C-alpha atoms as a PDB file:
ATOM      1  CA  UNK A   1     127.435  54.054  93.967  1.00  0.00           C
ATOM      2  CA  UNK A   2     129.390  51.773  96.245  1.00  0.00           C
ATOM      3  CA  UNK A   3     131.883  53.340  98.629  1.00  0.00           C
ATOM      4  CA  UNK A   4     135.518  52.543  97.833  1.00  0.00           C
ATOM      5  CA  UNK A   5     137.239  49.946  99.969  1.00  0.00           C
ATOM      6  CA  UNK A   6     139.122  51.379 102.927  1.00  0.00           C
ATOM      7  CA  UNK A   7     142.623  50.321 103.922  1.00  0.00           C
ATOM      8  CA  UNK A   8     141.197  48.694 107.034  1.00  0.00           C
ATOM      9  CA  UNK A   9     138.752  46.641 104.929  1.00  0.00           C
ATOM     10  CA  UNK A  10     141.535  45.625 102.551  1.00  0.00           C
ATOM     11  CA  UNK A  11     143.705  44.506 105.457  1.00  0.00           C
ATOM     12  CA  UNK A  12     140.814  42.529 106.946  1.00  0.00           C
ATOM     13  CA  UNK A  13     140.318  40.784 103.599  1.00  0.00           C
ATOM     14  CA  UNK A  14     144.047  40.071 103.319  1.00  0.00           C
ATOM     15  CA  UNK A  15     144.135  38.601 106.815  1.00  0.00           C
ATOM     16  CA  UNK A  16     141.267  36.270 105.893  1.00  0.00           C
ATOM     17  CA  UNK A  17     143.357  34.686 103.128  1.00  0.00           C
ATOM     18  CA  UNK A  18     144.750  31.227 103.696  1.00  0.00           C
ATOM     19  CA  UNK A  19     148.439  30.557 103.384  1.00  0.00           C
ATOM     20  CA  UNK A  20     149.844  33.754 104.905  1.00  0.00           C
ATOM     21  CA  UNK A  21     152.986  33.153 106.906  1.00  0.00           C
ATOM     22  CA  UNK A  22     152.913  34.215 110.542  1.00  0.00           C
ATOM     23  CA  UNK A  23     155.240  37.226 110.097  1.00  0.00           C
ATOM     24  CA  UNK A  24     153.057  38.682 107.358  1.00  0.00           C
ATOM     25  CA  UNK A  25     149.904  38.064 109.407  1.00  0.00           C
ATOM     26  CA  UNK A  26     151.456  39.800 112.452  1.00  0.00           C
ATOM     27  CA  UNK A  27     152.556  42.799 110.370  1.00  0.00           C
ATOM     28  CA  UNK A  28     149.152  43.165 108.693  1.00  0.00           C
ATOM     29  CA  UNK A  29     147.377  42.901 112.059  1.00  0.00           C
ATOM     30  CA  UNK A  30     149.591  45.640 113.529  1.00  0.00           C
ATOM     31  CA  UNK A  31     149.048  47.828 110.465  1.00  0.00           C
ATOM     32  CA  UNK A  32     145.253  47.413 110.709  1.00  0.00           C
ATOM     33  CA  UNK A  33     145.363  48.257 114.434  1.00  0.00           C
ATOM     34  CA  UNK A  34     147.343  51.453 113.781  1.00  0.00           C
ATOM     35  CA  UNK A  35     144.915  52.557 111.039  1.00  0.00           C
ATOM     36  CA  UNK A  36     141.914  51.944 113.290  1.00  0.00           C
ATOM     37  CA  UNK A  37     143.594  53.826 116.148  1.00  0.00           C
ATOM     38  CA  UNK A  38     144.305  56.783 113.851  1.00  0.00           C
ATOM     39  CA  UNK A  39     140.702  56.859 112.615  1.00  0.00           C
ATOM     40  CA  UNK A  40     139.220  56.847 116.122  1.00  0.00           C
ATOM     41  CA  UNK A  41     141.618  59.346 117.709  1.00  0.00           C
ATOM     42  CA  UNK A  42     140.080  62.412 119.300  1.00  0.00           C
ATOM     43  CA  UNK A  43     141.394  65.477 117.557  1.00  0.00           C
ATOM     44  CA  UNK A  44     141.333  68.983 118.903  1.00  0.00           C
ATOM     45  CA  UNK A  45     139.782  71.612 116.631  1.00  0.00           C
ATOM     46  CA  UNK A  46     142.018  73.613 114.332  1.00  0.00           C
ATOM     47  CA  UNK A  47     142.550  77.341 114.811  1.00  0.00           C
ATOM     48  CA  UNK A  48     140.158  78.044 111.922  1.00  0.00           C
ATOM     49  CA  UNK A  49     137.460  75.823 113.437  1.00  0.00           C
ATOM     50  CA  UNK A  50     137.824  77.612 116.776  1.00  0.00           C
ATOM     51  CA  UNK A  51     137.643  81.025 115.095  1.00  0.00           C
ATOM     52  CA  UNK A  52     134.572  79.948 113.101  1.00  0.00           C
ATOM     53  CA  UNK A  53     132.911  78.782 116.328  1.00  0.00           C
ATOM     54  CA  UNK A  54     133.437  82.242 117.806  1.00  0.00           C
ATOM     55  CA  UNK A  55     132.018  83.887 114.682  1.00  0.00           C
ATOM     56  CA  UNK A  56     128.969  81.596 114.833  1.00  0.00           C
ATOM     57  CA  UNK A  57     128.395  82.708 118.432  1.00  0.00           C
ATOM     58  CA  UNK A  58     128.520  86.329 117.285  1.00  0.00           C
ATOM     59  CA  UNK A  59     126.028  85.583 114.498  1.00  0.00           C
ATOM     60  CA  UNK A  60     123.649  84.014 117.021  1.00  0.00           C
ATOM     61  CA  UNK A  61     124.023  87.070 119.272  1.00  0.00           C
ATOM     62  CA  UNK A  62     123.114  89.371 116.365  1.00  0.00           C
ATOM     63  CA  UNK A  63     120.052  87.265 115.523  1.00  0.00           C
ATOM     64  CA  UNK A  64     118.971  87.167 119.181  1.00  0.00           C
ATOM     65  CA  UNK A  65     116.969  90.399 118.774  1.00  0.00           C
ATOM     66  CA  UNK A  66     114.391  88.455 116.745  1.00  0.00           C
ATOM     67  CA  UNK A  67     114.886  90.347 113.497  1.00  0.00           C
ATOM     68  CA  UNK A  68     115.206  88.237 110.348  1.00  0.00           C
ATOM     69  CA  UNK A  69     118.284  89.279 108.402  1.00  0.00           C
ATOM     70  CA  UNK A  70     119.995  88.497 105.125  1.00  0.00           C
ATOM     71  CA  UNK A  71     123.598  87.288 104.999  1.00  0.00           C
ATOM     72  CA  UNK A  72     124.714  90.771 103.919  1.00  0.00           C
ATOM     73  CA  UNK A  73     122.963  92.350 106.910  1.00  0.00           C
ATOM     74  CA  UNK A  74     124.512  89.754 109.215  1.00  0.00           C
ATOM     75  CA  UNK A  75     127.949  90.525 107.758  1.00  0.00           C
ATOM     76  CA  UNK A  76     127.585  94.224 108.477  1.00  0.00           C
ATOM     77  CA  UNK A  77     126.326  93.567 112.030  1.00  0.00           C
ATOM     78  CA  UNK A  78     129.087  91.111 112.992  1.00  0.00           C
ATOM     79  CA  UNK A  79     132.414  92.959 113.316  1.00  0.00           C
ATOM     80  CA  UNK A  80     134.480  89.799 112.809  1.00  0.00           C
ATOM     81  CA  UNK A  81     132.902  89.274 109.388  1.00  0.00           C
ATOM     82  CA  UNK A  82     133.844  92.749 108.136  1.00  0.00           C
ATOM     83  CA  UNK A  83     136.317  92.114 105.353  1.00  0.00           C
ATOM     84  CA  UNK A  84     135.350  88.442 105.069  1.00  0.00           C
ATOM     85  CA  UNK A  85     133.856  87.093 101.875  1.00  0.00           C
ATOM     86  CA  UNK A  86     130.148  86.628 101.387  1.00  0.00           C
ATOM     87  CA  UNK A  87     130.854  82.939 100.755  1.00  0.00           C
ATOM     88  CA  UNK A  88     132.404  82.501 104.201  1.00  0.00           C
ATOM     89  CA  UNK A  89     129.478  84.223 105.910  1.00  0.00           C
ATOM     90  CA  UNK A  90     127.002  82.158 103.887  1.00  0.00           C
ATOM     91  CA  UNK A  91     128.823  78.936 104.789  1.00  0.00           C
ATOM     92  CA  UNK A  92     128.792  79.744 108.502  1.00  0.00           C
ATOM     93  CA  UNK A  93     125.098  80.655 108.460  1.00  0.00           C
ATOM     94  CA  UNK A  94     124.330  77.476 106.483  1.00  0.00           C
ATOM     95  CA  UNK A  95     126.133  75.427 109.138  1.00  0.00           C
ATOM     96  CA  UNK A  96     123.977  77.086 111.804  1.00  0.00           C
ATOM     97  CA  UNK A  97     120.873  76.211 109.774  1.00  0.00           C
ATOM     98  CA  UNK A  98     122.018  72.578 109.494  1.00  0.00           C
ATOM     99  CA  UNK A  99     122.647  72.494 113.252  1.00  0.00           C
ATOM    100  CA  UNK A 100     119.092  73.719 113.834  1.00  0.00           C
ATOM    101  CA  UNK A 101     120.134  76.919 115.628  1.00  0.00           C
ATOM    102  CA  UNK A 102     118.947  79.198 112.812  1.00  0.00           C
ATOM    103  CA  UNK A 103     116.001  78.956 110.443  1.00  0.00           C
ATOM    104  CA  UNK A 104     115.957  80.090 106.820  1.00  0.00           C
ATOM    105  CA  UNK A 105     112.953  81.711 105.154  1.00  0.00           C
ATOM    106  CA  UNK A 106     112.597  82.731 101.523  1.00  0.00           C
ATOM    107  CA  UNK A 107     110.737  85.988 100.926  1.00  0.00           C
ATOM    108  CA  UNK A 108     110.522  87.139  97.306  1.00  0.00           C
ATOM    109  CA  UNK A 109     113.513  84.952  96.339  1.00  0.00           C
ATOM    110  CA  UNK A 110     115.663  86.419  99.136  1.00  0.00           C
ATOM    111  CA  UNK A 111     116.844  84.311 102.075  1.00  0.00           C
ATOM    112  CA  UNK A 112     116.248  85.681 105.566  1.00  0.00           C
ATOM    113  CA  UNK A 113     117.707  84.066 108.665  1.00  0.00           C
ATOM    114  CA  UNK A 114     116.463  84.165 112.242  1.00  0.00           C
ATOM    115  CA  UNK A 115     116.844  82.114 115.409  1.00  0.00           C
ATOM    116  CA  UNK A 116     115.047  78.800 115.281  1.00  0.00           C
END
């Protein structure tokens, strides 16, 4: 499946057309520059992303003892996750697995997580 055309690509194609008057060309060039600037801007993390980073650090601290644990066991060991949904805990642990900080092992159809 081909990715949809971005606004920047569409503006580049429009600028390549012959017969555009100079005012239109100037406006389209400025619009393309503002879109590219917006897409490359450094953004600070949101409050949720910062909080999730802290929770991930707590998860890593719990797993530091070398014991493989399930998501439910991790939830009970991490105070910040008490009251959180299993889906949130699973998502955070999955992100740690994707980052390579945690490894996942299946034992009798149950996932256990430990430090990588």
